[in-house]
């Protein structure tokens, strides 16, 4: 157990938060992370999301764990659901979950108030110290600082270490979690030692047994190294002008593909949805067609993905390794000191 401001606030025992990850972040994955002691997050960035289709996901997660879990919402102009339906979805989530988290727009006091009105904690993932100050000003209970190393859509423009230091200096009253390129216990320990109250992990959990992801996607992650995680705007259809980090192999496959479509995925309401070439759509378990040419999101921690593992084992591995490093005495290898 690694007690921090984050674990004490949320009620979990290990300072690890699952990244939202849209349809990959299934109720089974969120619940498994929570059961292991972390904070599982249900992803809602799914085709067909509305208050009616969200309800079964929330109740399924609640059935699978009695421990705290959270719900992640992508809030952006023109995104789905609409702003009015987004408010209804947020209200639903806040009634059931411990944490409701937002990403990709400027911090919004209205959404935070809805969360608080229904008894949950509000979190915002940010990419700059200025955005962190805004999140604190509108009443967020915690903040996630996302470095440019992160997989999926990336708000940050600088590396995590630099960003984390700036955010910790800017926001002192609420817990700050570190996100971006964290896939090992050593990286987790480094973030905690730097002052983070917890870490947010995504790419490692895409290869979890419980993740709702296509096997071709998992195989590509296992085969990849850090340098194969590319910061790009290639997969822009449906979400223009939004930088993201994906596997190099996905970019190459999409560029080489003939035709305008990579395949089909199934929306949350059961309806099929075509996936245009260069679409931002994630390759979940329902994907058919040229899956390797879809957006295979991955952060720079992808080299730590060695095999498919149950989420509880990923949490345990990260926590045990981080605890081991945090207990070690500090050694400055190669440094010379003198007594004067």
Protein backbone atom coordinates (compact mmCIF):
# COMPACT_ATOMS: atom_id res chain seq x y z
CA UNK A 1 0.00 0.00 0.00
CA UNK A 2 1.30 3.46 -0.96
CA UNK A 3 -0.72 6.11 0.85
CA UNK A 4 -0.84 9.55 -0.79
CA UNK A 5 -3.16 12.56 -0.89
CA UNK A 6 -4.82 10.94 -3.89
CA UNK A 7 -5.50 7.56 -2.26
CA UNK A 8 -6.81 9.19 0.90
CA UNK A 9 -9.11 11.50 -1.07
CA UNK A 10 -10.51 8.82 -3.37
CA UNK A 11 -10.50 5.88 -0.98
CA UNK A 12 -8.28 3.52 -2.94
CA UNK A 13 -5.09 1.88 -1.62
CA UNK A 14 -2.66 2.21 -4.54
CA UNK A 15 -1.93 5.55 -6.28
CA UNK A 16 -2.66 4.28 -9.79
CA UNK A 17 -5.46 5.64 -11.95
CA UNK A 18 -6.56 3.86 -15.10
CA UNK A 19 -6.73 6.18 -18.12
CA UNK A 20 -10.22 6.51 -19.63
CA UNK A 21 -9.38 5.19 -23.13
CA UNK A 22 -12.89 5.28 -24.62
CA UNK A 23 -14.36 1.93 -25.57
CA UNK A 24 -11.17 0.15 -24.47
CA UNK A 25 -12.00 1.18 -20.89
CA UNK A 26 -14.72 -1.41 -20.34
CA UNK A 27 -16.65 -1.92 -17.09
CA UNK A 28 -14.64 -5.13 -16.62
CA UNK A 29 -11.33 -3.29 -16.90
CA UNK A 30 -12.37 -0.41 -14.67
CA UNK A 31 -13.68 -2.78 -12.02
CA UNK A 32 -10.58 -4.97 -12.15
CA UNK A 33 -8.28 -2.00 -11.55
CA UNK A 34 -10.45 -0.83 -8.65
CA UNK A 35 -10.57 -4.32 -7.16
CA UNK A 36 -6.76 -4.41 -7.32
CA UNK A 37 -6.56 -1.23 -5.23
CA UNK A 38 -6.26 1.47 -7.90
CA UNK A 39 -8.87 3.80 -9.33
CA UNK A 40 -10.54 2.18 -12.33
CA UNK A 41 -11.99 4.54 -14.93
CA UNK A 42 -14.90 3.76 -17.23
CA UNK A 43 -14.31 5.22 -20.69
CA UNK A 44 -17.28 6.94 -22.33
CA UNK A 45 -15.81 8.15 -25.63
CA UNK A 46 -17.94 5.71 -27.62
CA UNK A 47 -20.15 5.96 -30.67
CA UNK A 48 -23.82 6.15 -29.72
CA UNK A 49 -23.24 7.41 -26.18
CA UNK A 50 -26.25 9.05 -24.54
CA UNK A 51 -27.91 8.83 -21.13
CA UNK A 52 -29.80 5.68 -22.15
CA UNK A 53 -26.75 3.78 -23.40
CA UNK A 54 -24.49 5.00 -20.57
CA UNK A 55 -26.70 3.61 -17.81
CA UNK A 56 -25.93 -0.10 -18.42
CA UNK A 57 -22.18 0.62 -18.43
CA UNK A 58 -22.40 2.39 -15.08
CA UNK A 59 -24.52 -0.32 -13.51
CA UNK A 60 -22.30 -3.09 -14.88
CA UNK A 61 -19.22 -1.45 -13.34
CA UNK A 62 -21.09 -1.02 -10.06
CA UNK A 63 -22.03 -4.72 -10.12
CA UNK A 64 -18.40 -5.77 -10.61
CA UNK A 65 -16.82 -3.74 -7.81
CA UNK A 66 -17.82 -2.22 -4.50
CA UNK A 67 -14.65 -0.14 -4.48
CA UNK A 68 -14.28 3.44 -5.77
CA UNK A 69 -14.23 3.90 -9.53
CA UNK A 70 -14.41 6.86 -11.87
CA UNK A 71 -15.91 7.88 -15.21
CA UNK A 72 -14.02 9.73 -17.93
CA UNK A 73 -15.68 12.20 -20.31
CA UNK A 74 -14.17 13.82 -23.39
CA UNK A 75 -15.62 17.34 -23.61
CA UNK A 76 -14.98 19.14 -26.89
CA UNK A 77 -16.91 21.30 -29.35
CA UNK A 78 -18.74 19.14 -31.86
CA UNK A 79 -18.03 16.00 -29.88
CA UNK A 80 -20.49 13.32 -28.82
CA UNK A 81 -22.67 13.48 -26.87
CA UNK A 82 -24.00 17.00 -27.36
CA UNK A 83 -23.47 19.52 -24.56
CA UNK A 84 -27.00 19.04 -23.22
CA UNK A 85 -26.74 15.26 -23.29
CA UNK A 86 -23.23 15.50 -21.85
CA UNK A 87 -24.68 17.27 -18.81
CA UNK A 88 -27.22 14.47 -18.35
CA UNK A 89 -24.48 11.84 -18.69
CA UNK A 90 -22.27 13.63 -16.18
CA UNK A 91 -25.16 13.80 -13.74
CA UNK A 92 -25.75 10.06 -14.13
CA UNK A 93 -22.09 9.26 -13.59
CA UNK A 94 -21.76 11.49 -10.53
CA UNK A 95 -24.63 9.69 -8.81
CA UNK A 96 -22.84 6.34 -9.05
CA UNK A 97 -19.07 6.88 -9.30
CA UNK A 98 -16.54 8.35 -6.88
CA UNK A 99 -14.74 10.48 -9.49
CA UNK A 100 -15.93 12.15 -12.68
CA UNK A 101 -13.09 13.27 -14.92
CA UNK A 102 -12.97 15.59 -17.91
CA UNK A 103 -10.51 16.08 -20.74
CA UNK A 104 -9.79 18.16 -23.79
CA UNK A 105 -11.56 21.41 -23.19
CA UNK A 106 -10.87 24.32 -20.88
CA UNK A 107 -12.00 23.58 -17.31
CA UNK A 108 -15.71 24.31 -16.99
CA UNK A 109 -17.27 25.38 -13.67
CA UNK A 110 -20.72 24.15 -14.74
CA UNK A 111 -19.57 20.55 -15.19
CA UNK A 112 -17.65 20.62 -11.91
CA UNK A 113 -20.73 21.94 -10.10
CA UNK A 114 -22.89 19.15 -11.55
CA UNK A 115 -20.41 16.60 -10.24
CA UNK A 116 -20.32 18.15 -6.78
CA UNK A 117 -24.10 18.53 -6.64
CA UNK A 118 -24.43 14.76 -6.98
CA UNK A 119 -21.78 13.82 -4.47
CA UNK A 120 -18.74 12.91 -6.59
CA UNK A 121 -15.23 14.31 -6.92
CA UNK A 122 -14.29 16.29 -10.04
CA UNK A 123 -11.02 15.87 -11.91
CA UNK A 124 -9.61 17.54 -15.02
CA UNK A 125 -6.72 16.32 -17.16
CA UNK A 126 -4.56 19.26 -18.24
CA UNK A 127 -1.57 19.94 -20.45
CA UNK A 128 -0.19 23.15 -18.94
CA UNK A 129 0.26 24.96 -15.63
CA UNK A 130 -2.18 27.64 -16.79
CA UNK A 131 -4.85 25.02 -17.48
CA UNK A 132 -4.15 23.50 -14.05
CA UNK A 133 -4.75 26.87 -12.39
CA UNK A 134 -8.07 27.14 -14.23
CA UNK A 135 -9.07 23.64 -13.10
CA UNK A 136 -8.32 24.52 -9.50
CA UNK A 137 -10.17 27.83 -9.82
CA UNK A 138 -13.40 26.14 -10.99
CA UNK A 139 -13.32 23.79 -8.03
CA UNK A 140 -11.71 20.56 -9.23
CA UNK A 141 -10.76 18.18 -6.42
CA UNK A 142 -7.77 16.74 -8.29
CA UNK A 143 -5.79 17.34 -11.47
CA UNK A 144 -4.03 15.07 -13.94
CA UNK A 145 -0.94 16.58 -15.60
CA UNK A 146 -0.50 14.98 -19.03
CA UNK A 147 2.91 15.09 -20.65
CA UNK A 148 3.55 14.82 -24.37
CA UNK A 149 4.69 11.19 -23.91
CA UNK A 150 1.08 10.07 -23.37
CA UNK A 151 -0.78 7.80 -25.76
CA UNK A 152 -4.10 8.72 -27.34
CA UNK A 153 -5.05 12.37 -27.67
CA UNK A 154 -2.48 14.63 -26.09
CA UNK A 155 -3.16 17.98 -24.47
CA UNK A 156 0.38 18.51 -23.22
CA UNK A 157 3.13 19.97 -25.39
CA UNK A 158 6.13 19.35 -23.13
CA UNK A 159 7.58 16.36 -21.33
CA UNK A 160 5.98 15.08 -18.16
CA UNK A 161 8.81 15.92 -15.77
CA UNK A 162 8.86 19.57 -16.78
CA UNK A 163 5.06 19.81 -16.82
CA UNK A 164 4.67 18.07 -13.46
CA UNK A 165 7.10 20.46 -11.79
CA UNK A 166 5.27 23.47 -13.24
CA UNK A 167 1.83 22.16 -12.23
CA UNK A 168 2.97 21.26 -8.71
CA UNK A 169 4.31 24.80 -8.29
CA UNK A 170 1.08 26.29 -9.67
CA UNK A 171 -1.41 24.13 -7.75
CA UNK A 172 -0.61 23.25 -4.15
CA UNK A 173 -3.99 22.69 -2.50
CA UNK A 174 -5.21 19.61 -4.41
CA UNK A 175 -3.61 16.30 -5.48
CA UNK A 176 -1.85 16.19 -8.84
CA UNK A 177 -1.45 12.94 -10.78
CA UNK A 178 1.24 12.36 -13.40
CA UNK A 179 0.31 11.01 -16.85
CA UNK A 180 2.35 10.23 -19.92
CA UNK A 181 4.86 7.46 -20.56
CA UNK A 182 4.38 5.69 -17.22
CA UNK A 183 4.42 1.94 -17.75
CA UNK A 184 6.88 0.63 -15.17
CA UNK A 185 7.21 0.75 -11.42
CA UNK A 186 10.46 2.65 -11.83
CA UNK A 187 8.65 5.40 -13.78
CA UNK A 188 5.85 5.39 -11.21
CA UNK A 189 8.37 5.76 -8.38
CA UNK A 190 10.05 8.66 -10.19
CA UNK A 191 6.74 10.51 -10.54
CA UNK A 192 5.82 9.95 -6.89
CA UNK A 193 9.30 11.01 -5.76
CA UNK A 194 8.91 14.20 -7.82
CA UNK A 195 5.76 15.09 -5.88
CA UNK A 196 2.90 13.51 -7.80
CA UNK A 197 0.13 12.10 -5.60
CA UNK A 198 -0.44 9.29 -8.06
CA UNK A 199 0.09 8.15 -11.62
CA UNK A 200 -2.26 7.65 -14.54
CA UNK A 201 -1.53 4.59 -16.69
CA UNK A 202 -3.08 3.82 -20.07
CA UNK A 203 -0.95 1.89 -22.55
CA UNK A 204 -0.08 -0.96 -20.17
CA UNK A 205 -3.78 -1.56 -19.53
CA UNK A 206 -4.66 -1.72 -23.25
CA UNK A 207 -2.98 -5.13 -23.08
CA UNK A 208 -4.95 -6.17 -19.97
CA UNK A 209 -7.11 -9.27 -20.22
CA UNK A 210 -10.20 -7.21 -19.42
CA UNK A 211 -9.60 -4.44 -22.00
CA UNK A 212 -12.19 -4.27 -24.78
CA UNK A 213 -9.57 -4.14 -27.52
CA UNK A 214 -8.91 -5.98 -30.78
CA UNK A 215 -6.22 -8.72 -30.63
CA UNK A 216 -4.37 -7.19 -33.59
CA UNK A 217 -4.01 -3.97 -31.58
CA UNK A 218 -2.57 -5.88 -28.61
CA UNK A 219 -0.13 -7.78 -30.81
CA UNK A 220 1.11 -4.49 -32.28
CA UNK A 221 1.67 -3.07 -28.79
CA UNK A 222 3.66 -6.10 -27.69
CA UNK A 223 5.87 -5.85 -30.79
CA UNK A 224 6.54 -2.12 -30.38
CA UNK A 225 9.25 -0.12 -28.62
CA UNK A 226 9.24 3.43 -27.27
CA UNK A 227 10.48 4.88 -30.56
CA UNK A 228 7.47 3.34 -32.34
CA UNK A 229 5.11 5.70 -30.46
CA UNK A 230 4.64 8.67 -32.79
CA UNK A 231 3.24 12.11 -31.95
CA UNK A 232 1.13 13.05 -34.97
CA UNK A 233 -2.12 14.44 -36.41
CA UNK A 234 -2.54 11.60 -38.89
CA UNK A 235 -5.79 10.16 -37.49
CA UNK A 236 -7.77 13.37 -37.78
CA UNK A 237 -11.11 12.32 -39.30
CA UNK A 238 -13.82 12.97 -36.73
CA UNK A 239 -11.46 14.89 -34.46
CA UNK A 240 -9.50 17.46 -36.50
CA UNK A 241 -6.55 19.49 -35.24
CA UNK A 242 -6.03 17.23 -32.21
CA UNK A 243 -2.49 15.89 -31.74
CA UNK A 244 -2.27 12.28 -30.66
CA UNK A 245 0.25 9.50 -30.19
CA UNK A 246 -0.15 6.21 -32.06
CA UNK A 247 1.98 3.32 -33.25
CA UNK A 248 4.19 3.93 -36.27
CA UNK A 249 2.83 0.73 -37.83
CA UNK A 250 -0.71 2.16 -37.82
CA UNK A 251 0.40 5.30 -39.65
CA UNK A 252 2.28 3.28 -42.25
CA UNK A 253 -0.63 0.89 -42.77
CA UNK A 254 -3.18 3.71 -43.10
CA UNK A 255 -1.01 5.60 -45.58
CA UNK A 256 -0.51 2.46 -47.69
CA UNK A 257 -4.20 1.47 -47.64
CA UNK A 258 -6.15 1.78 -50.85
CA UNK A 259 -9.68 3.16 -50.54
CA UNK A 260 -11.46 5.43 -48.12
CA UNK A 261 -12.47 2.94 -45.41
CA UNK A 262 -10.54 0.79 -42.96
CA UNK A 263 -13.50 -1.21 -41.69
CA UNK A 264 -16.43 -1.18 -39.28
CA UNK A 265 -16.91 -0.96 -35.51
CA UNK A 266 -20.08 -1.47 -33.49
CA UNK A 267 -21.50 1.45 -31.57
CA UNK A 268 -22.58 1.15 -27.96
CA UNK A 269 -26.20 0.92 -29.11
CA UNK A 270 -25.41 -2.05 -31.36
CA UNK A 271 -25.44 -0.16 -34.66
CA UNK A 272 -22.54 -0.56 -37.12
CA UNK A 273 -20.33 2.42 -37.91
CA UNK A 274 -17.93 2.73 -40.84
CA UNK A 275 -14.37 3.71 -39.97
CA UNK A 276 -12.94 6.05 -42.62
CA UNK A 277 -9.24 5.94 -43.37
CA UNK A 278 -7.40 8.18 -40.87
CA UNK A 279 -10.38 8.17 -38.45
CA UNK A 280 -9.79 8.82 -34.76
CA UNK A 281 -11.85 5.72 -33.92
CA UNK A 282 -10.13 3.25 -31.59
CA UNK A 283 -9.72 -0.38 -32.69
CA UNK A 284 -11.86 -2.05 -30.06
CA UNK A 285 -12.90 -5.70 -29.91
CA UNK A 286 -15.77 -5.15 -32.38
CA UNK A 287 -13.54 -3.83 -35.18
CA UNK A 288 -13.49 -5.63 -38.51
CA UNK A 289 -11.55 -4.90 -41.68
CA UNK A 290 -8.03 -3.47 -41.86
CA UNK A 291 -7.61 -3.22 -38.08
CA UNK A 292 -3.86 -2.59 -38.29
CA UNK A 293 -4.58 0.61 -40.26
CA UNK A 294 -6.87 2.01 -37.56
CA UNK A 295 -5.74 4.38 -34.81
CA UNK A 296 -3.61 2.13 -32.58
CA UNK A 297 -2.99 4.59 -29.74
CA UNK A 298 0.13 4.06 -27.63
CA UNK A 299 2.30 6.16 -25.37
CA UNK A 300 6.08 6.06 -25.06
CA UNK A 301 5.70 3.48 -22.29
CA UNK A 302 4.74 0.92 -24.95
CA UNK A 303 8.08 -0.88 -24.58
CA UNK A 304 6.88 -2.04 -21.16
CA UNK A 305 4.02 -4.00 -22.76
CA UNK A 306 5.47 -7.51 -22.95
CA UNK A 307 2.39 -9.75 -22.80
CA UNK A 308 -1.32 -9.83 -22.04
CA UNK A 309 -1.88 -9.72 -18.28
CA UNK A 310 -4.88 -9.48 -15.95
CA UNK A 311 -5.31 -5.90 -14.73
CA UNK A 312 -4.74 -6.94 -11.11
CA UNK A 313 -1.29 -8.28 -12.05
CA UNK A 314 -0.39 -5.04 -13.83
CA UNK A 315 -1.40 -3.02 -10.78
CA UNK A 316 0.51 -5.32 -8.45
CA UNK A 317 3.64 -5.30 -10.61
CA UNK A 318 3.70 -1.51 -10.86
CA UNK A 319 3.01 -0.99 -7.15
CA UNK A 320 5.54 -3.54 -5.92
CA UNK A 321 8.29 -2.28 -8.19
CA UNK A 322 7.55 1.36 -7.32
CA UNK A 323 7.56 0.54 -3.61
CA UNK A 324 10.90 -1.20 -3.95
CA UNK A 325 12.49 1.81 -5.63
CA UNK A 326 10.98 4.28 -3.18
CA UNK A 327 12.39 2.30 -0.25
CA UNK A 328 15.92 2.26 -1.64
CA UNK A 329 18.46 4.75 -0.31
CA UNK A 330 19.35 7.47 -2.79
CA UNK A 331 22.60 6.76 -4.63
CA UNK A 332 24.18 9.28 -6.99
CA UNK A 333 25.98 6.97 -9.38
CA UNK A 334 29.04 8.56 -10.89
CA UNK A 335 28.84 11.64 -8.67
CA UNK A 336 31.74 12.71 -6.49
CA UNK A 337 31.30 14.57 -3.22
CA UNK A 338 33.73 16.12 -0.84
CA UNK A 339 33.61 17.13 2.79
CA UNK A 340 34.24 20.81 2.10
